Amino acid sequence: MYANLKPYLMTFIPIFVAVDIIGSIPLFLSVVEGKKRREKHRIIIMTVTTAALLAAIFMFLGKWVLIFLNITIPDFQIAGGVLLFIISARLLLPGTGKTLVAGSRDKDVGVFPLGTPLITGPAVLTTTLIMVDTYGIAATFISLAANMLFVWLVLAKADIIMKFLGVSGTRAFSKVMYILLASIAVMLVRRGIMGILV
């Protein structure tokens, strides 16, 4: 039973960590503050659609880009791991959180900056492509879809979650996610080095 579920769990968790939707709640709420319920719903749909399409396109075409550029998977694992580590380290440092969307009021905020780079940014793109190579496209696609469904649910109930966790709670959750992301980054670098040496 576990053997059948393992690929899905092993792909879902890294993508979930990279997305960090719980940590994005305060910024999402700052963007939709003052907007009517119907407008909030439209922004949520646009956000999830943009994030999902971008991740899916990169998931299916990313490997062909690597082949075209003559980049091996171990090369990408090392580069991706280093990038993920830098991103997670920067996000762990005080005052360097996701501040990109603060003050955004444009009607297309669902596309930018919410859909990308807040939800689907470099960390998600890198993680998704590496998961495809490690566990296959089917498991990765299903895990990506499950994560995007979770993103939609969280954004739809963002007010309730924020009241329950509070600002400190969401920040604490994010810090734990960033530590996990850093650990995944180290694992990817290790696998990349092993792939080159073997």
C-alpha atoms as a PDB file:
ATOM      1  CA  MET A   1       0.000   0.000   0.000  1.00  0.00           C
ATOM      2  CA  TYR A   2       2.700   2.466   1.078  1.00  0.00           C
ATOM      3  CA  ALA A   3       4.848   1.520  -1.912  1.00  0.00           C
ATOM      4  CA  ASN A   4       2.023   2.566  -4.244  1.00  0.00           C
ATOM      5  CA  LEU A   5       1.455   5.871  -2.422  1.00  0.00           C
ATOM      6  CA  LYS A   6       5.127   6.721  -1.894  1.00  0.00           C
ATOM      7  CA  PRO A   7       5.703   8.472  -5.272  1.00  0.00           C
ATOM      8  CA  TYR A   8       2.678  10.706  -4.656  1.00  0.00           C
ATOM      9  CA  LEU A   9       3.719  11.566  -1.110  1.00  0.00           C
ATOM     10  CA  MET A  10       7.320  12.151  -2.128  1.00  0.00           C
ATOM     11  CA  THR A  11       6.235  14.555  -4.881  1.00  0.00           C
ATOM     12  CA  PHE A  12       3.396  16.249  -2.984  1.00  0.00           C
ATOM     13  CA  ILE A  13       5.465  17.238   0.053  1.00  0.00           C
ATOM     14  CA  PRO A  14       8.335  19.070  -1.739  1.00  0.00           C
ATOM     15  CA  ILE A  15       5.856  20.956  -3.963  1.00  0.00           C
ATOM     16  CA  PHE A  16       3.740  21.819  -0.912  1.00  0.00           C
ATOM     17  CA  VAL A  17       6.816  23.142   0.888  1.00  0.00           C
ATOM     18  CA  ALA A  18       7.915  25.148  -2.157  1.00  0.00           C
ATOM     19  CA  VAL A  19       4.460  26.696  -2.638  1.00  0.00           C
ATOM     20  CA  ASP A  20       4.178  27.722   1.050  1.00  0.00           C
ATOM     21  CA  ILE A  21       0.580  28.844   0.680  1.00  0.00           C
ATOM     22  CA  ILE A  22       0.019  29.256   4.442  1.00  0.00           C
ATOM     23  CA  GLY A  23       2.851  31.779   4.624  1.00  0.00           C
ATOM     24  CA  SER A  24       1.323  33.672   1.696  1.00  0.00           C
ATOM     25  CA  ILE A  25      -2.018  34.276   3.409  1.00  0.00           C
ATOM     26  CA  PRO A  26      -1.164  37.680   4.983  1.00  0.00           C
ATOM     27  CA  LEU A  27       0.077  39.025   1.664  1.00  0.00           C
ATOM     28  CA  PHE A  28      -2.928  37.667  -0.203  1.00  0.00           C
ATOM     29  CA  LEU A  29      -5.262  39.345   2.276  1.00  0.00           C
ATOM     30  CA  SER A  30      -3.400  42.643   1.922  1.00  0.00           C
ATOM     31  CA  VAL A  31      -3.976  42.511  -1.850  1.00  0.00           C
ATOM     32  CA  VAL A  32      -7.693  41.699  -1.708  1.00  0.00           C
ATOM     33  CA  GLU A  33      -8.434  44.005   1.228  1.00  0.00           C
ATOM     34  CA  GLY A  34     -11.513  46.094   0.561  1.00  0.00           C
ATOM     35  CA  LYS A  35     -12.575  44.097  -2.486  1.00  0.00           C
ATOM     36  CA  LYS A  36     -16.046  42.608  -2.825  1.00  0.00           C
ATOM     37  CA  ARG A  37     -16.626  38.876  -2.428  1.00  0.00           C
ATOM     38  CA  ARG A  38     -17.163  38.373  -6.169  1.00  0.00           C
ATOM     39  CA  GLU A  39     -13.923  40.197  -6.999  1.00  0.00           C
ATOM     40  CA  LYS A  40     -11.999  38.141  -4.424  1.00  0.00           C
ATOM     41  CA  HIS A  41     -13.356  34.956  -6.005  1.00  0.00           C
ATOM     42  CA  ARG A  42     -12.229  36.139  -9.448  1.00  0.00           C
ATOM     43  CA  ILE A  43      -8.727  36.902  -8.148  1.00  0.00           C
ATOM     44  CA  ILE A  44      -8.478  33.480  -6.486  1.00  0.00           C
ATOM     45  CA  ILE A  45      -9.469  31.680  -9.701  1.00  0.00           C
ATOM     46  CA  MET A  46      -7.014  33.759 -11.722  1.00  0.00           C
ATOM     47  CA  THR A  47      -4.255  33.138  -9.179  1.00  0.00           C
ATOM     48  CA  VAL A  48      -4.687  29.356  -9.092  1.00  0.00           C
ATOM     49  CA  THR A  49      -5.131  29.100 -12.880  1.00  0.00           C
ATOM     50  CA  THR A  50      -1.972  31.112 -13.561  1.00  0.00           C
ATOM     51  CA  ALA A  51       0.082  29.211 -11.005  1.00  0.00           C
ATOM     52  CA  ALA A  52      -1.128  25.798 -12.187  1.00  0.00           C
ATOM     53  CA  LEU A  53      -0.675  26.507 -15.919  1.00  0.00           C
ATOM     54  CA  LEU A  54       2.826  27.910 -15.472  1.00  0.00           C
ATOM     55  CA  ALA A  55       3.943  24.968 -13.336  1.00  0.00           C
ATOM     56  CA  ALA A  56       2.353  22.417 -15.687  1.00  0.00           C
ATOM     57  CA  ILE A  57       3.882  23.964 -18.823  1.00  0.00           C
ATOM     58  CA  PHE A  58       7.320  24.018 -17.223  1.00  0.00           C
ATOM     59  CA  MET A  59       6.830  20.459 -15.966  1.00  0.00           C
ATOM     60  CA  PHE A  60       6.099  19.136 -19.468  1.00  0.00           C
ATOM     61  CA  LEU A  61       8.538  21.290 -21.442  1.00  0.00           C
ATOM     62  CA  GLY A  62      11.314  21.930 -18.932  1.00  0.00           C
ATOM     63  CA  LYS A  63      13.166  18.693 -19.607  1.00  0.00           C
ATOM     64  CA  TRP A  64      13.177  19.363 -23.369  1.00  0.00           C
ATOM     65  CA  VAL A  65      14.697  22.759 -22.675  1.00  0.00           C
ATOM     66  CA  LEU A  66      17.431  21.073 -20.656  1.00  0.00           C
ATOM     67  CA  ILE A  67      18.094  18.593 -23.470  1.00  0.00           C
ATOM     68  CA  PHE A  68      18.233  21.433 -26.008  1.00  0.00           C
ATOM     69  CA  LEU A  69      20.754  23.264 -23.826  1.00  0.00           C
ATOM     70  CA  ASN A  70      22.691  20.019 -23.243  1.00  0.00           C
ATOM     71  CA  ILE A  71      22.152  20.225 -19.476  1.00  0.00           C
ATOM     72  CA  THR A  72      22.074  16.886 -17.649  1.00  0.00           C
ATOM     73  CA  ILE A  73      19.685  16.080 -14.809  1.00  0.00           C
ATOM     74  CA  PRO A  74      22.539  15.941 -12.233  1.00  0.00           C
ATOM     75  CA  ASP A  75      23.598  19.403 -13.459  1.00  0.00           C
ATOM     76  CA  PHE A  76      20.069  20.665 -12.927  1.00  0.00           C
ATOM     77  CA  GLN A  77      19.760  18.948  -9.545  1.00  0.00           C
ATOM     78  CA  ILE A  78      22.889  20.678  -8.282  1.00  0.00           C
ATOM     79  CA  ALA A  79      21.941  24.067  -9.734  1.00  0.00           C
ATOM     80  CA  GLY A  80      18.320  23.688  -8.595  1.00  0.00           C
ATOM     81  CA  GLY A  81      19.381  22.572  -5.122  1.00  0.00           C
ATOM     82  CA  VAL A  82      21.715  25.545  -4.733  1.00  0.00           C
ATOM     83  CA  LEU A  83      18.970  27.908  -5.946  1.00  0.00           C
ATOM     84  CA  LEU A  84      16.397  26.415  -3.565  1.00  0.00           C
ATOM     85  CA  PHE A  85      18.861  26.681  -0.684  1.00  0.00           C
ATOM     86  CA  ILE A  86      19.540  30.352  -1.441  1.00  0.00           C
ATOM     87  CA  ILE A  87      15.816  31.092  -1.696  1.00  0.00           C
ATOM     88  CA  SER A  88      15.020  29.311   1.560  1.00  0.00           C
ATOM     89  CA  ALA A  89      17.983  30.957   3.338  1.00  0.00           C
ATOM     90  CA  ARG A  90      16.874  34.416   2.189  1.00  0.00           C
ATOM     91  CA  LEU A  91      13.310  33.752   3.321  1.00  0.00           C
ATOM     92  CA  LEU A  92      14.549  32.560   6.714  1.00  0.00           C
ATOM     93  CA  LEU A  93      16.463  35.796   7.346  1.00  0.00           C
ATOM     94  CA  PRO A  94      14.586  38.572   9.191  1.00  0.00           C
ATOM     95  CA  GLY A  95      13.042  41.196   6.935  1.00  0.00           C
ATOM     96  CA  THR A  96      13.432  39.204   3.699  1.00  0.00           C
ATOM     97  CA  GLY A  97      10.059  37.473   3.518  1.00  0.00           C
ATOM     98  CA  LYS A  98       7.600  37.541   0.647  1.00  0.00           C
ATOM     99  CA  THR A  99       6.988  41.289   0.478  1.00  0.00           C
ATOM    100  CA  LEU A 100       6.526  41.443  -3.284  1.00  0.00           C
ATOM    101  CA  VAL A 101       2.771  41.781  -3.339  1.00  0.00           C
ATOM    102  CA  ALA A 102       2.449  44.349  -0.595  1.00  0.00           C
ATOM    103  CA  GLY A 103       0.649  47.381  -1.927  1.00  0.00           C
ATOM    104  CA  SER A 104      -0.452  45.716  -5.176  1.00  0.00           C
ATOM    105  CA  ARG A 105      -3.923  46.813  -6.238  1.00  0.00           C
ATOM    106  CA  ASP A 106      -3.905  46.174  -9.973  1.00  0.00           C
ATOM    107  CA  LYS A 107      -6.870  44.293 -11.461  1.00  0.00           C
ATOM    108  CA  ASP A 108      -4.512  41.589 -12.766  1.00  0.00           C
ATOM    109  CA  VAL A 109      -2.898  40.791  -9.398  1.00  0.00           C
ATOM    110  CA  GLY A 110      -4.167  37.219  -9.797  1.00  0.00           C
ATOM    111  CA  VAL A 111      -1.659  36.758 -12.624  1.00  0.00           C
ATOM    112  CA  PHE A 112       1.185  38.857 -11.226  1.00  0.00           C
ATOM    113  CA  PRO A 113       2.328  38.878  -8.494  1.00  0.00           C
ATOM    114  CA  LEU A 114      -0.028  36.320  -6.883  1.00  0.00           C
ATOM    115  CA  GLY A 115      -0.068  33.545  -9.511  1.00  0.00           C
ATOM    116  CA  THR A 116       3.605  34.097 -10.191  1.00  0.00           C
ATOM    117  CA  PRO A 117       6.017  34.501  -8.520  1.00  0.00           C
ATOM    118  CA  LEU A 118       4.190  34.255  -5.160  1.00  0.00           C
ATOM    119  CA  ILE A 119       2.576  30.821  -5.716  1.00  0.00           C
ATOM    120  CA  THR A 120       4.548  29.430  -8.658  1.00  0.00           C
ATOM    121  CA  GLY A 121       8.007  30.910  -8.399  1.00  0.00           C
ATOM    122  CA  PRO A 122      11.537  29.594  -9.001  1.00  0.00           C
ATOM    123  CA  ALA A 123      11.279  27.183  -6.066  1.00  0.00           C
ATOM    124  CA  VAL A 124       8.110  25.506  -7.406  1.00  0.00           C
ATOM    125  CA  LEU A 125       9.407  25.340 -10.999  1.00  0.00           C
ATOM    126  CA  THR A 126      12.718  23.839  -9.927  1.00  0.00           C
ATOM    127  CA  THR A 127      11.120  21.369  -7.508  1.00  0.00           C
ATOM    128  CA  THR A 128       8.484  20.256 -10.018  1.00  0.00           C
ATOM    129  CA  LEU A 129      10.989  19.542 -12.768  1.00  0.00           C
ATOM    130  CA  ILE A 130      13.236  17.560 -10.442  1.00  0.00           C
ATOM    131  CA  MET A 131      10.266  15.552  -9.129  1.00  0.00           C
ATOM    132  CA  VAL A 132       9.328  14.648 -12.721  1.00  0.00           C
ATOM    133  CA  ASP A 133      12.770  13.171 -13.294  1.00  0.00           C
ATOM    134  CA  THR A 134      12.830  11.389  -9.925  1.00  0.00           C
ATOM    135  CA  TYR A 135       9.277  10.022  -9.599  1.00  0.00           C
ATOM    136  CA  GLY A 136       7.740  10.380 -13.052  1.00  0.00           C
ATOM    137  CA  ILE A 137       5.344  12.778 -14.714  1.00  0.00           C
ATOM    138  CA  ALA A 138       2.119  11.080 -13.555  1.00  0.00           C
ATOM    139  CA  ALA A 139       2.881  11.281  -9.825  1.00  0.00           C
ATOM    140  CA  THR A 140       4.227  14.824 -10.164  1.00  0.00           C
ATOM    141  CA  PHE A 141       1.224  16.043 -12.154  1.00  0.00           C
ATOM    142  CA  ILE A 142      -1.262  14.559  -9.671  1.00  0.00           C
ATOM    143  CA  SER A 143       0.667  16.050  -6.748  1.00  0.00           C
ATOM    144  CA  LEU A 144       0.820  19.429  -8.485  1.00  0.00           C
ATOM    145  CA  ALA A 145      -2.940  19.330  -9.110  1.00  0.00           C
ATOM    146  CA  ALA A 146      -3.578  18.362  -5.474  1.00  0.00           C
ATOM    147  CA  ASN A 147      -1.390  21.239  -4.300  1.00  0.00           C
ATOM    148  CA  MET A 148      -3.201  23.732  -6.521  1.00  0.00           C
ATOM    149  CA  LEU A 149      -6.550  22.478  -5.193  1.00  0.00           C
ATOM    150  CA  PHE A 150      -5.205  23.026  -1.683  1.00  0.00           C
ATOM    151  CA  VAL A 151      -4.069  26.539  -2.667  1.00  0.00           C
ATOM    152  CA  TRP A 152      -7.592  27.317  -3.868  1.00  0.00           C
ATOM    153  CA  LEU A 153      -9.135  26.031  -0.620  1.00  0.00           C
ATOM    154  CA  VAL A 154      -6.687  27.994   1.541  1.00  0.00           C
ATOM    155  CA  LEU A 155      -7.196  31.255  -0.359  1.00  0.00           C
ATOM    156  CA  ALA A 156     -10.970  30.810  -0.268  1.00  0.00           C
ATOM    157  CA  LYS A 157     -10.830  30.430   3.531  1.00  0.00           C
ATOM    158  CA  ALA A 158      -7.895  32.786   4.107  1.00  0.00           C
ATOM    159  CA  ASP A 159      -9.827  35.036   6.506  1.00  0.00           C
ATOM    160  CA  ILE A 160     -10.762  32.138   8.776  1.00  0.00           C
ATOM    161  CA  ILE A 161      -7.258  30.616   8.709  1.00  0.00           C
ATOM    162  CA  MET A 162      -5.686  33.987   9.478  1.00  0.00           C
ATOM    163  CA  LYS A 163      -7.961  34.486  12.491  1.00  0.00           C
ATOM    164  CA  PHE A 164      -7.105  31.002  13.747  1.00  0.00           C
ATOM    165  CA  LEU A 165      -3.313  31.115  13.242  1.00  0.00           C
ATOM    166  CA  GLY A 166      -2.695  34.832  13.516  1.00  0.00           C
ATOM    167  CA  VAL A 167       0.248  36.640  11.926  1.00  0.00           C
ATOM    168  CA  SER A 168       2.753  34.985  14.259  1.00  0.00           C
ATOM    169  CA  GLY A 169       1.338  31.542  13.542  1.00  0.00           C
ATOM    170  CA  THR A 170       1.595  31.920   9.774  1.00  0.00           C
ATOM    171  CA  ARG A 171       5.152  33.255  10.086  1.00  0.00           C
ATOM    172  CA  ALA A 172       6.163  30.341  12.315  1.00  0.00           C
ATOM    173  CA  PHE A 173       4.635  27.853   9.861  1.00  0.00           C
ATOM    174  CA  SER A 174       6.535  29.498   6.999  1.00  0.00           C
ATOM    175  CA  LYS A 175       9.852  29.312   8.846  1.00  0.00           C
ATOM    176  CA  VAL A 176       9.403  25.564   9.331  1.00  0.00           C
ATOM    177  CA  MET A 177       8.564  25.210   5.613  1.00  0.00           C
ATOM    178  CA  TYR A 178      11.702  27.148   4.644  1.00  0.00           C
ATOM    179  CA  ILE A 179      13.869  24.876   6.808  1.00  0.00           C
ATOM    180  CA  LEU A 180      12.324  21.846   5.088  1.00  0.00           C
ATOM    181  CA  LEU A 181      12.931  23.491   1.705  1.00  0.00           C
ATOM    182  CA  ALA A 182      16.594  24.029   2.627  1.00  0.00           C
ATOM    183  CA  SER A 183      16.853  20.353   3.607  1.00  0.00           C
ATOM    184  CA  ILE A 184      15.324  19.292   0.285  1.00  0.00           C
ATOM    185  CA  ALA A 185      17.819  21.561  -1.473  1.00  0.00           C
ATOM    186  CA  VAL A 186      20.751  19.844   0.249  1.00  0.00           C
ATOM    187  CA  MET A 187      19.306  16.449  -0.731  1.00  0.00           C
ATOM    188  CA  LEU A 188      19.070  17.542  -4.375  1.00  0.00           C
ATOM    189  CA  VAL A 189      22.669  18.747  -4.421  1.00  0.00           C
ATOM    190  CA  ARG A 190      23.776  15.442  -2.875  1.00  0.00           C
ATOM    191  CA  ARG A 191      21.842  13.450  -5.499  1.00  0.00           C
ATOM    192  CA  GLY A 192      23.272  15.606  -8.271  1.00  0.00           C
ATOM    193  CA  ILE A 193      26.830  15.045  -7.098  1.00  0.00           C
ATOM    194  CA  MET A 194      26.198  11.305  -6.775  1.00  0.00           C
ATOM    195  CA  GLY A 195      24.727  11.301 -10.307  1.00  0.00           C
ATOM    196  CA  ILE A 196      27.872  12.912 -11.717  1.00  0.00           C
ATOM    197  CA  LEU A 197      30.225  10.601  -9.825  1.00  0.00           C
ATOM    198  CA  VAL A 198      28.397   7.365 -10.691  1.00  0.00           C
END
